[in-house]
Every structure is written in structure tokens, then in C-alpha cells.
Amino acid sequence: MALQQSLRHLDTAFQNFFKQPKTGFPRFKSKKRNKNSYSTLCINENITLSNGYLRLPKIGQIRLKQHRSVPDEYRLKSVTVSQTPSGKYYASILFEYEDQVQEKELQKFLGLDFSMHELYRDSNGKEPAYPGYYRNVEKKLAREQRKLSRMQKGSNNRNKQRLKVAKLHEKVSNQRKDFLHKQSRQI
């Protein structure tokens, strides 16, 4: 199923290339520098999600941290398992459901505008201070990347150092995402 899914992705990429003028030619996916992920479709209940476990074909049962409960009327469509550069695995699970979106009457309006100094400025005059997460870690990151650049390619020490650098980048990325989610929730 995973090999068939990769061929489907390639087919979609070529169809988009020939149909849409702005879409470029499908990129070569390197064995060394690629996004480690694979997708599989749910056919004949080969993927199940129950009791904190995800059952995948060929792999078997995997314990997972489930972020929200899934209603019974939702139908599982596919799963994409991906690995981050720091070595963590994530499963993105796609569900299908039939539901009508109710229209709401809007009472309050808020205008947002891009701000050069901060993240944005809203119509109430609020301007949240954007914490410079990358700037705080910049010196540490530069030191760790210097160490990495001096190591011999293919060595275990280089791989350990690569993980250190990847974890620093991931931390900054997570801090930024957390800040943006909290801001959007406040709005």
C-alpha cells in the first residue's frame, strides 16, 4: 500500500504539472536528504485506532499520544507517518465525516494589520511583543553548528551532533508555533 501511495503522489504531481501552469516539474527526492514519511490508505479495516494504540499494516500496533477523541461517526481514510530531523515520529490521521457547517451571525469585528516592529497591530491598538526565540538561541546554535561542520561525514559523533542541532531548531520552531497558537486563541 505504501509503494502504491507513493506512485499516486507522483501521478498527482505530474497531473498538476501538465494541468496547472504555475506548478513546476516534480522534484527529485534524494535518498539522503528527504522528508522521512510514508502514507497508507485504510482498506478493509487494515488501520485501526483504539485504546491508545494505532495498528498499521506491516508494522503492527504502536502506542501513541492521542490529542483528541474521535467521534464514532468519523471514518478513517489514511495515515501519514513522518519522522522529524530530531528523530521523533508523528502520525497524521485523516478522517471523513458528514456534517453541515452552521452559519453564525457576527457581532464583533477585529482588524489586523502587519507591523514591521512587532507581529501585528489590531484595530483596538494592541501590538503583541514578538519574543525573539531564534535570537535567544542564536549563539548556542552557531556553536553547535560549528562543531558539526568540523566532524567527519558518516561518523557516529557527527550523527549525535546533527541530532543536537536538529533539536535546537525544533525547539525554536515549537516555541514559535506555541506563541502563534496562543495569540490566535486570544484573538
N, C-alpha and C. Protein backbone atom coordinates (compact mmCIF):
# COMPACT_ATOMS: atom_id res chain seq x y z
N MET A 1 0.83 -1.20 0.00
CA MET A 1 0.00 0.00 0.00
C MET A 1 0.87 1.26 0.00
N ALA A 2 1.97 1.23 0.76
CA ALA A 2 2.82 2.42 0.86
C ALA A 2 3.46 2.73 -0.50
N LEU A 3 3.90 1.69 -1.22
CA LEU A 3 4.50 1.91 -2.54
C LEU A 3 3.46 2.44 -3.53
N GLN A 4 2.24 1.90 -3.44
CA GLN A 4 1.18 2.37 -4.32
C GLN A 4 0.86 3.84 -4.03
N GLN A 5 0.88 4.19 -2.75
CA GLN A 5 0.57 5.56 -2.36
C GLN A 5 1.64 6.53 -2.88
N SER A 6 2.91 6.11 -2.85
CA SER A 6 3.97 6.98 -3.37
C SER A 6 3.81 7.17 -4.87
N LEU A 7 3.38 6.13 -5.59
CA LEU A 7 3.12 6.26 -7.03
C LEU A 7 1.93 7.18 -7.28
N ARG A 8 0.91 7.13 -6.41
CA ARG A 8 -0.24 8.04 -6.53
C ARG A 8 0.22 9.49 -6.36
N HIS A 9 1.11 9.71 -5.38
CA HIS A 9 1.64 11.07 -5.16
C HIS A 9 2.40 11.55 -6.41
N LEU A 10 3.20 10.66 -6.99
CA LEU A 10 3.95 11.02 -8.20
C LEU A 10 3.00 11.32 -9.35
N ASP A 11 1.95 10.51 -9.50
CA ASP A 11 0.96 10.72 -10.55
C ASP A 11 0.28 12.08 -10.37
N THR A 12 -0.09 12.40 -9.13
CA THR A 12 -0.73 13.70 -8.84
C THR A 12 0.21 14.85 -9.19
N ALA A 13 1.50 14.68 -8.86
CA ALA A 13 2.48 15.72 -9.15
C ALA A 13 2.59 15.96 -10.66
N PHE A 14 2.61 14.89 -11.45
CA PHE A 14 2.71 15.04 -12.90
C PHE A 14 1.42 15.63 -13.48
N GLN A 15 0.26 15.20 -12.96
CA GLN A 15 -1.01 15.76 -13.44
C GLN A 15 -1.07 17.26 -13.15
N ASN A 16 -0.64 17.67 -11.96
CA ASN A 16 -0.62 19.09 -11.62
C ASN A 16 0.34 19.86 -12.53
N PHE A 17 1.47 19.22 -12.86
CA PHE A 17 2.47 19.87 -13.72
C PHE A 17 1.89 20.15 -15.11
N PHE A 18 1.14 19.17 -15.66
CA PHE A 18 0.62 19.35 -17.01
C PHE A 18 -0.66 20.18 -17.05
N LYS A 19 -1.44 20.18 -15.96
CA LYS A 19 -2.71 20.92 -15.95
C LYS A 19 -2.53 22.38 -15.54
N GLN A 20 -1.79 22.61 -14.46
CA GLN A 20 -1.68 23.96 -13.89
C GLN A 20 -0.39 24.61 -14.37
N PRO A 21 -0.48 25.84 -14.89
CA PRO A 21 0.71 26.49 -15.45
C PRO A 21 1.77 26.87 -14.41
N LYS A 22 1.37 27.18 -13.19
CA LYS A 22 2.34 27.64 -12.19
C LYS A 22 3.06 26.50 -11.48
N THR A 23 2.51 25.29 -11.54
CA THR A 23 3.13 24.16 -10.85
C THR A 23 4.36 23.70 -11.61
N GLY A 24 5.46 23.55 -10.91
CA GLY A 24 6.71 23.14 -11.54
C GLY A 24 6.81 21.64 -11.74
N PHE A 25 7.90 21.23 -12.38
CA PHE A 25 8.17 19.82 -12.62
C PHE A 25 8.40 19.11 -11.28
N PRO A 26 7.92 17.87 -11.09
CA PRO A 26 8.12 17.16 -9.82
C PRO A 26 9.59 17.07 -9.45
N ARG A 27 9.90 17.39 -8.20
CA ARG A 27 11.29 17.41 -7.74
C ARG A 27 11.82 16.02 -7.50
N PHE A 28 13.12 15.86 -7.69
CA PHE A 28 13.79 14.62 -7.35
C PHE A 28 13.88 14.50 -5.84
N LYS A 29 13.49 13.35 -5.30
CA LYS A 29 13.54 13.12 -3.86
C LYS A 29 14.78 12.30 -3.54
N SER A 30 15.75 12.95 -2.92
CA SER A 30 17.01 12.30 -2.61
C SER A 30 16.85 11.26 -1.51
N LYS A 31 17.65 10.20 -1.59
CA LYS A 31 17.64 9.17 -0.56
C LYS A 31 18.25 9.71 0.73
N LYS A 32 19.20 10.64 0.58
CA LYS A 32 19.90 11.17 1.76
C LYS A 32 19.17 12.34 2.38
N ARG A 33 18.76 13.28 1.55
CA ARG A 33 18.09 14.48 2.07
C ARG A 33 16.63 14.43 1.64
N ASN A 34 15.83 13.85 2.45
CA ASN A 34 14.42 13.80 2.12
C ASN A 34 13.61 13.90 3.39
N LYS A 35 12.32 14.06 3.23
CA LYS A 35 11.43 14.06 4.37
C LYS A 35 11.04 12.61 4.60
N ASN A 36 11.45 12.05 5.72
CA ASN A 36 11.14 10.65 6.01
C ASN A 36 9.67 10.51 6.37
N SER A 37 8.87 10.09 5.41
CA SER A 37 7.45 9.90 5.68
C SER A 37 6.88 8.88 4.69
N TYR A 38 5.78 8.28 5.11
CA TYR A 38 5.07 7.39 4.19
C TYR A 38 3.59 7.44 4.51
N SER A 39 2.77 7.22 3.49
CA SER A 39 1.32 7.25 3.64
C SER A 39 0.75 5.89 3.30
N THR A 40 -0.34 5.57 3.95
CA THR A 40 -1.04 4.32 3.65
C THR A 40 -2.54 4.55 3.76
N LEU A 41 -3.30 3.91 2.87
CA LEU A 41 -4.75 4.05 2.87
C LEU A 41 -5.41 2.99 3.74
N CYS A 42 -6.57 3.33 4.25
CA CYS A 42 -7.34 2.38 5.05
C CYS A 42 -8.27 1.59 4.12
N ILE A 43 -7.98 0.30 3.95
CA ILE A 43 -8.80 -0.58 3.12
C ILE A 43 -9.09 -1.83 3.93
N ASN A 44 -10.35 -2.21 4.01
CA ASN A 44 -10.81 -3.39 4.75
C ASN A 44 -10.35 -3.37 6.21
N GLU A 45 -10.44 -2.20 6.85
CA GLU A 45 -10.10 -2.05 8.28
C GLU A 45 -8.67 -2.49 8.60
N ASN A 46 -7.71 -2.24 7.68
CA ASN A 46 -6.32 -2.62 7.95
C ASN A 46 -5.63 -1.63 8.91
N ILE A 47 -6.25 -0.46 9.12
CA ILE A 47 -5.74 0.52 10.09
C ILE A 47 -6.82 0.73 11.14
N THR A 48 -6.44 0.57 12.40
CA THR A 48 -7.40 0.81 13.48
C THR A 48 -6.78 1.71 14.54
N LEU A 49 -7.64 2.44 15.25
CA LEU A 49 -7.22 3.34 16.31
C LEU A 49 -8.08 3.03 17.53
N SER A 50 -7.47 2.39 18.56
CA SER A 50 -8.26 2.04 19.75
C SER A 50 -7.36 1.87 20.96
N ASN A 51 -7.86 2.27 22.11
CA ASN A 51 -7.19 2.11 23.41
C ASN A 51 -5.76 2.66 23.44
N GLY A 52 -5.55 3.80 22.80
CA GLY A 52 -4.22 4.42 22.80
C GLY A 52 -3.22 3.73 21.89
N TYR A 53 -3.69 2.90 20.97
CA TYR A 53 -2.81 2.20 20.03
C TYR A 53 -3.27 2.45 18.60
N LEU A 54 -2.33 2.57 17.71
CA LEU A 54 -2.59 2.68 16.29
C LEU A 54 -2.04 1.43 15.63
N ARG A 55 -2.91 0.70 14.93
CA ARG A 55 -2.45 -0.50 14.24
C ARG A 55 -2.27 -0.17 12.76
N LEU A 56 -1.03 -0.36 12.27
CA LEU A 56 -0.70 -0.10 10.88
C LEU A 56 -0.32 -1.40 10.19
N PRO A 57 -0.58 -1.51 8.87
CA PRO A 57 -0.18 -2.72 8.16
C PRO A 57 1.34 -2.86 8.14
N LYS A 58 1.82 -4.09 8.25
CA LYS A 58 3.24 -4.47 8.26
C LYS A 58 3.96 -4.09 9.55
N ILE A 59 3.60 -2.99 10.18
CA ILE A 59 4.30 -2.54 11.38
C ILE A 59 3.69 -3.15 12.63
N GLY A 60 2.36 -3.17 12.68
CA GLY A 60 1.67 -3.71 13.85
C GLY A 60 1.17 -2.59 14.75
N GLN A 61 1.03 -2.90 16.04
CA GLN A 61 0.47 -1.93 17.00
C GLN A 61 1.55 -0.99 17.49
N ILE A 62 1.22 0.31 17.53
CA ILE A 62 2.12 1.34 18.01
C ILE A 62 1.37 2.14 19.06
N ARG A 63 2.02 2.34 20.22
CA ARG A 63 1.41 3.18 21.26
C ARG A 63 1.53 4.64 20.84
N LEU A 64 0.47 5.42 21.07
CA LEU A 64 0.53 6.81 20.65
C LEU A 64 -0.10 7.73 21.68
N LYS A 65 0.28 9.01 21.60
CA LYS A 65 -0.34 10.06 22.40
C LYS A 65 -1.42 10.68 21.53
N GLN A 66 -2.65 10.41 21.88
CA GLN A 66 -3.78 10.90 21.08
C GLN A 66 -4.22 12.24 21.63
N HIS A 67 -4.31 13.26 20.77
CA HIS A 67 -4.57 14.61 21.23
C HIS A 67 -6.04 14.93 21.40
N ARG A 68 -6.91 14.22 20.72
CA ARG A 68 -8.34 14.45 20.91
C ARG A 68 -9.11 13.17 20.57
N SER A 69 -10.28 13.04 21.17
CA SER A 69 -11.07 11.84 20.93
C SER A 69 -11.75 11.93 19.56
N VAL A 70 -11.98 10.77 18.96
CA VAL A 70 -12.58 10.71 17.63
C VAL A 70 -14.01 10.20 17.77
N PRO A 71 -15.01 10.98 17.30
CA PRO A 71 -16.40 10.51 17.37
C PRO A 71 -16.62 9.23 16.55
N ASP A 72 -17.62 8.47 16.93
CA ASP A 72 -17.89 7.17 16.29
C ASP A 72 -18.28 7.30 14.82
N GLU A 73 -18.94 8.41 14.45
CA GLU A 73 -19.41 8.53 13.06
C GLU A 73 -18.29 8.92 12.07
N TYR A 74 -17.10 9.23 12.58
CA TYR A 74 -15.97 9.56 11.71
C TYR A 74 -15.41 8.27 11.09
N ARG A 75 -15.02 8.36 9.81
CA ARG A 75 -14.50 7.20 9.10
C ARG A 75 -13.03 7.44 8.76
N LEU A 76 -12.15 6.52 9.18
CA LEU A 76 -10.71 6.66 8.96
C LEU A 76 -10.39 6.45 7.48
N LYS A 77 -9.66 7.41 6.89
CA LYS A 77 -9.32 7.34 5.47
C LYS A 77 -7.87 6.93 5.23
N SER A 78 -6.91 7.64 5.86
CA SER A 78 -5.50 7.33 5.63
C SER A 78 -4.64 7.82 6.79
N VAL A 79 -3.41 7.33 6.84
CA VAL A 79 -2.45 7.71 7.87
C VAL A 79 -1.14 8.06 7.19
N THR A 80 -0.53 9.17 7.60
CA THR A 80 0.81 9.53 7.14
C THR A 80 1.73 9.56 8.35
N VAL A 81 2.75 8.72 8.34
CA VAL A 81 3.72 8.66 9.43
C VAL A 81 4.96 9.39 8.95
N SER A 82 5.43 10.37 9.75
CA SER A 82 6.61 11.12 9.34
C SER A 82 7.58 11.23 10.51
N GLN A 83 8.86 11.35 10.17
CA GLN A 83 9.92 11.45 11.17
C GLN A 83 10.57 12.82 11.05
N THR A 84 10.73 13.51 12.18
CA THR A 84 11.38 14.81 12.18
C THR A 84 12.89 14.62 12.15
N PRO A 85 13.66 15.66 11.82
CA PRO A 85 15.12 15.52 11.82
C PRO A 85 15.70 15.15 13.18
N SER A 86 14.97 15.48 14.27
CA SER A 86 15.47 15.12 15.61
C SER A 86 15.15 13.68 15.98
N GLY A 87 14.42 12.95 15.12
CA GLY A 87 14.18 11.53 15.34
C GLY A 87 12.82 11.18 15.90
N LYS A 88 11.93 12.16 16.11
CA LYS A 88 10.59 11.88 16.63
C LYS A 88 9.67 11.48 15.48
N TYR A 89 8.71 10.62 15.79
CA TYR A 89 7.74 10.17 14.80
C TYR A 89 6.38 10.78 15.08
N TYR A 90 5.67 11.18 14.02
CA TYR A 90 4.33 11.72 14.13
C TYR A 90 3.43 11.00 13.14
N ALA A 91 2.20 10.72 13.57
CA ALA A 91 1.21 10.11 12.68
C ALA A 91 0.10 11.12 12.46
N SER A 92 -0.12 11.48 11.21
CA SER A 92 -1.20 12.38 10.85
C SER A 92 -2.34 11.51 10.30
N ILE A 93 -3.46 11.51 10.99
CA ILE A 93 -4.56 10.60 10.65
C ILE A 93 -5.69 11.41 10.02
N LEU A 94 -6.13 10.98 8.84
CA LEU A 94 -7.17 11.68 8.09
C LEU A 94 -8.49 10.95 8.26
N PHE A 95 -9.53 11.70 8.67
CA PHE A 95 -10.86 11.15 8.84
C PHE A 95 -11.84 11.83 7.88
N GLU A 96 -12.94 11.13 7.59
CA GLU A 96 -14.00 11.68 6.76
C GLU A 96 -15.28 11.65 7.58
N TYR A 97 -16.06 12.72 7.47
CA TYR A 97 -17.35 12.74 8.17
C TYR A 97 -18.33 13.63 7.43
N GLU A 98 -19.61 13.37 7.65
CA GLU A 98 -20.66 14.15 7.02
C GLU A 98 -21.24 15.08 8.08
N ASP A 99 -21.09 16.37 7.84
CA ASP A 99 -21.61 17.34 8.80
C ASP A 99 -21.83 18.66 8.08
N GLN A 100 -22.90 19.33 8.44
CA GLN A 100 -23.19 20.64 7.86
C GLN A 100 -22.64 21.72 8.78
N VAL A 101 -22.02 22.72 8.21
CA VAL A 101 -21.49 23.83 9.00
C VAL A 101 -22.60 24.85 9.21
N GLN A 102 -22.84 25.18 10.49
CA GLN A 102 -23.88 26.16 10.80
C GLN A 102 -23.32 27.56 10.62
N GLU A 103 -24.10 28.42 9.99
CA GLU A 103 -23.68 29.81 9.82
C GLU A 103 -23.96 30.58 11.09
N LYS A 104 -23.03 31.46 11.45
CA LYS A 104 -23.18 32.27 12.66
C LYS A 104 -23.35 33.73 12.29
N GLU A 105 -24.15 34.43 13.10
CA GLU A 105 -24.31 35.87 12.94
C GLU A 105 -23.14 36.55 13.65
N LEU A 106 -22.40 37.39 12.94
CA LEU A 106 -21.23 38.03 13.52
C LEU A 106 -21.62 39.29 14.28
N GLN A 107 -21.11 39.40 15.52
CA GLN A 107 -21.39 40.58 16.34
C GLN A 107 -20.18 41.51 16.44
N LYS A 108 -18.99 40.94 16.63
CA LYS A 108 -17.79 41.75 16.80
C LYS A 108 -16.86 41.58 15.61
N PHE A 109 -16.14 42.64 15.30
CA PHE A 109 -15.16 42.60 14.22
C PHE A 109 -13.83 43.12 14.74
N LEU A 110 -12.76 42.53 14.24
CA LEU A 110 -11.42 42.95 14.64
C LEU A 110 -10.54 42.99 13.40
N GLY A 111 -9.88 44.14 13.20
CA GLY A 111 -9.00 44.27 12.04
C GLY A 111 -7.56 44.05 12.45
N LEU A 112 -6.80 43.29 11.65
CA LEU A 112 -5.39 43.04 11.91
C LEU A 112 -4.56 43.61 10.77
N ASP A 113 -3.41 44.19 11.13
CA ASP A 113 -2.52 44.76 10.13
C ASP A 113 -1.10 44.33 10.43
N PHE A 114 -0.33 44.06 9.40
CA PHE A 114 1.07 43.67 9.56
C PHE A 114 1.85 44.82 10.18
N SER A 115 2.74 44.50 11.13
CA SER A 115 3.56 45.51 11.79
C SER A 115 5.03 45.18 11.56
N MET A 116 5.83 46.20 11.20
CA MET A 116 7.25 45.98 10.95
C MET A 116 8.00 45.62 12.23
N HIS A 117 7.65 46.28 13.34
CA HIS A 117 8.39 46.09 14.58
C HIS A 117 7.91 44.87 15.36
N GLU A 118 6.63 44.63 15.35
CA GLU A 118 6.05 43.50 16.08
C GLU A 118 5.35 42.58 15.09
N LEU A 119 4.58 41.64 15.62
CA LEU A 119 3.91 40.66 14.76
C LEU A 119 2.76 41.30 13.97
N TYR A 120 1.87 41.99 14.69
CA TYR A 120 0.74 42.66 14.05
C TYR A 120 0.24 43.77 14.97
N ARG A 121 -0.68 44.56 14.45
CA ARG A 121 -1.38 45.56 15.26
C ARG A 121 -2.85 45.42 14.93
N ASP A 122 -3.69 45.35 15.97
CA ASP A 122 -5.12 45.18 15.71
C ASP A 122 -5.84 46.53 15.80
N SER A 123 -7.13 46.50 15.47
CA SER A 123 -7.92 47.74 15.43
C SER A 123 -8.16 48.33 16.82
N ASN A 124 -7.93 47.54 17.87
CA ASN A 124 -8.05 48.06 19.24
C ASN A 124 -6.76 48.72 19.72
N GLY A 125 -5.71 48.66 18.92
CA GLY A 125 -4.44 49.29 19.28
C GLY A 125 -3.46 48.35 19.95
N LYS A 126 -3.82 47.07 20.08
CA LYS A 126 -2.91 46.10 20.71
C LYS A 126 -1.81 45.72 19.73
N GLU A 127 -0.60 45.59 20.27
CA GLU A 127 0.54 45.20 19.46
C GLU A 127 1.38 44.23 20.29
N PRO A 128 1.16 42.90 20.12
CA PRO A 128 1.87 41.94 20.97
C PRO A 128 3.37 41.93 20.69
N ALA A 129 4.16 41.91 21.74
CA ALA A 129 5.62 41.87 21.59
C ALA A 129 6.01 40.48 21.11
N TYR A 130 6.70 40.44 19.98
CA TYR A 130 7.11 39.16 19.41
C TYR A 130 8.41 38.72 20.07
N PRO A 131 8.39 37.63 20.86
CA PRO A 131 9.63 37.20 21.51
C PRO A 131 10.59 36.61 20.48
N GLY A 132 11.84 37.05 20.52
CA GLY A 132 12.81 36.58 19.53
C GLY A 132 13.41 35.25 19.95
N TYR A 133 12.67 34.18 19.71
CA TYR A 133 13.13 32.85 20.14
C TYR A 133 14.43 32.46 19.43
N TYR A 134 14.50 32.74 18.13
CA TYR A 134 15.69 32.38 17.36
C TYR A 134 16.89 33.20 17.84
N ARG A 135 16.66 34.49 18.10
CA ARG A 135 17.74 35.37 18.56
C ARG A 135 18.29 34.92 19.91
N ASN A 136 17.44 34.37 20.76
CA ASN A 136 17.89 33.90 22.08
C ASN A 136 18.81 32.68 21.98
N VAL A 137 18.60 31.86 20.96
CA VAL A 137 19.34 30.61 20.83
C VAL A 137 20.46 30.73 19.79
N GLU A 138 20.57 31.89 19.15
CA GLU A 138 21.47 32.06 18.01
C GLU A 138 22.92 31.69 18.34
N LYS A 139 23.45 32.15 19.46
CA LYS A 139 24.86 31.88 19.81
C LYS A 139 25.08 30.40 20.05
N LYS A 140 24.16 29.77 20.78
CA LYS A 140 24.28 28.34 21.07
C LYS A 140 24.20 27.53 19.77
N LEU A 141 23.28 27.94 18.92
CA LEU A 141 23.09 27.26 17.64
C LEU A 141 24.34 27.39 16.76
N ALA A 142 24.93 28.58 16.73
CA ALA A 142 26.14 28.80 15.94
C ALA A 142 27.29 27.92 16.44
N ARG A 143 27.42 27.81 17.77
CA ARG A 143 28.47 26.98 18.34
C ARG A 143 28.28 25.51 17.98
N GLU A 144 27.05 25.02 18.10
CA GLU A 144 26.76 23.62 17.80
C GLU A 144 26.94 23.32 16.30
N GLN A 145 26.57 24.28 15.45
CA GLN A 145 26.74 24.08 14.01
C GLN A 145 28.21 24.11 13.61
N ARG A 146 29.01 24.93 14.30
CA ARG A 146 30.46 24.93 14.05
C ARG A 146 31.05 23.56 14.38
N LYS A 147 30.62 23.01 15.54
CA LYS A 147 31.09 21.68 15.93
C LYS A 147 30.72 20.66 14.85
N LEU A 148 29.50 20.75 14.37
CA LEU A 148 29.00 19.81 13.36
C LEU A 148 29.82 19.90 12.07
N SER A 149 30.14 21.12 11.66
CA SER A 149 30.85 21.30 10.38
C SER A 149 32.27 20.74 10.42
N ARG A 150 32.84 20.62 11.63
CA ARG A 150 34.21 20.11 11.75
C ARG A 150 34.28 18.59 11.82
N MET A 151 33.14 17.94 11.96
CA MET A 151 33.15 16.48 12.15
C MET A 151 33.17 15.75 10.81
N GLN A 152 33.69 14.54 10.86
CA GLN A 152 33.84 13.74 9.64
C GLN A 152 32.49 13.17 9.21
N LYS A 153 32.17 13.32 7.93
CA LYS A 153 30.89 12.84 7.43
C LYS A 153 30.79 11.33 7.57
N GLY A 154 29.63 10.87 8.03
CA GLY A 154 29.40 9.43 8.18
C GLY A 154 29.76 8.89 9.55
N SER A 155 30.36 9.72 10.43
CA SER A 155 30.76 9.22 11.75
C SER A 155 29.59 9.27 12.73
N ASN A 156 29.66 8.46 13.79
CA ASN A 156 28.61 8.45 14.81
C ASN A 156 28.58 9.76 15.58
N ASN A 157 29.76 10.34 15.83
CA ASN A 157 29.80 11.62 16.54
C ASN A 157 29.11 12.72 15.74
N ARG A 158 29.29 12.68 14.42
CA ARG A 158 28.61 13.67 13.57
C ARG A 158 27.10 13.49 13.66
N ASN A 159 26.65 12.23 13.69
CA ASN A 159 25.21 11.99 13.78
C ASN A 159 24.65 12.48 15.10
N LYS A 160 25.39 12.27 16.20
CA LYS A 160 24.96 12.78 17.51
C LYS A 160 24.88 14.30 17.50
N GLN A 161 25.88 14.94 16.88
CA GLN A 161 25.90 16.40 16.81
C GLN A 161 24.78 16.92 15.92
N ARG A 162 24.50 16.18 14.84
CA ARG A 162 23.39 16.56 13.95
C ARG A 162 22.07 16.55 14.71
N LEU A 163 21.90 15.55 15.60
CA LEU A 163 20.69 15.48 16.42
C LEU A 163 20.60 16.67 17.37
N LYS A 164 21.73 17.08 17.94
CA LYS A 164 21.73 18.25 18.84
C LYS A 164 21.26 19.50 18.11
N VAL A 165 21.81 19.71 16.90
CA VAL A 165 21.43 20.89 16.11
C VAL A 165 19.95 20.81 15.72
N ALA A 166 19.50 19.62 15.33
CA ALA A 166 18.10 19.43 14.93
C ALA A 166 17.17 19.71 16.10
N LYS A 167 17.55 19.28 17.31
CA LYS A 167 16.71 19.52 18.49
C LYS A 167 16.62 21.00 18.82
N LEU A 168 17.72 21.72 18.63
CA LEU A 168 17.69 23.18 18.86
C LEU A 168 16.74 23.86 17.87
N HIS A 169 16.85 23.48 16.59
CA HIS A 169 15.96 24.06 15.58
C HIS A 169 14.51 23.72 15.88
N GLU A 170 14.28 22.47 16.29
CA GLU A 170 12.92 22.03 16.58
C GLU A 170 12.34 22.79 17.77
N LYS A 171 13.17 23.04 18.78
CA LYS A 171 12.71 23.78 19.96
C LYS A 171 12.28 25.19 19.57
N VAL A 172 13.09 25.86 18.76
CA VAL A 172 12.75 27.21 18.31
C VAL A 172 11.44 27.19 17.53
N SER A 173 11.31 26.21 16.64
CA SER A 173 10.10 26.07 15.83
C SER A 173 8.87 25.84 16.71
N ASN A 174 9.01 24.97 17.71
CA ASN A 174 7.89 24.69 18.62
C ASN A 174 7.51 25.92 19.45
N GLN A 175 8.52 26.69 19.90
CA GLN A 175 8.23 27.91 20.66
C GLN A 175 7.45 28.90 19.80
N ARG A 176 7.88 29.03 18.54
CA ARG A 176 7.21 29.96 17.64
C ARG A 176 5.77 29.54 17.38
N LYS A 177 5.57 28.23 17.13
CA LYS A 177 4.22 27.72 16.89
C LYS A 177 3.33 27.93 18.11
N ASP A 178 3.89 27.66 19.30
CA ASP A 178 3.14 27.82 20.55
C ASP A 178 2.69 29.27 20.71
N PHE A 179 3.61 30.20 20.48
CA PHE A 179 3.29 31.62 20.60
C PHE A 179 2.17 32.01 19.64
N LEU A 180 2.28 31.57 18.38
CA LEU A 180 1.26 31.92 17.37
C LEU A 180 -0.10 31.32 17.70
N HIS A 181 -0.11 30.06 18.18
CA HIS A 181 -1.38 29.43 18.57
C HIS A 181 -2.03 30.17 19.73
N LYS A 182 -1.21 30.59 20.70
CA LYS A 182 -1.76 31.32 21.84
C LYS A 182 -2.30 32.68 21.42
N GLN A 183 -1.62 33.35 20.50
CA GLN A 183 -2.09 34.65 20.00
C GLN A 183 -3.40 34.49 19.25
N SER A 184 -3.47 33.48 18.38
CA SER A 184 -4.70 33.26 17.61
C SER A 184 -5.86 32.89 18.52
N ARG A 185 -5.56 32.15 19.59
CA ARG A 185 -6.60 31.78 20.55
C ARG A 185 -7.11 33.00 21.30
N GLN A 186 -6.21 33.93 21.65
CA GLN A 186 -6.63 35.16 22.31
C GLN A 186 -7.52 36.00 21.40
N ILE A 187 -7.14 36.07 20.12
CA ILE A 187 -7.93 36.85 19.17
C ILE A 187 -9.32 36.24 19.02
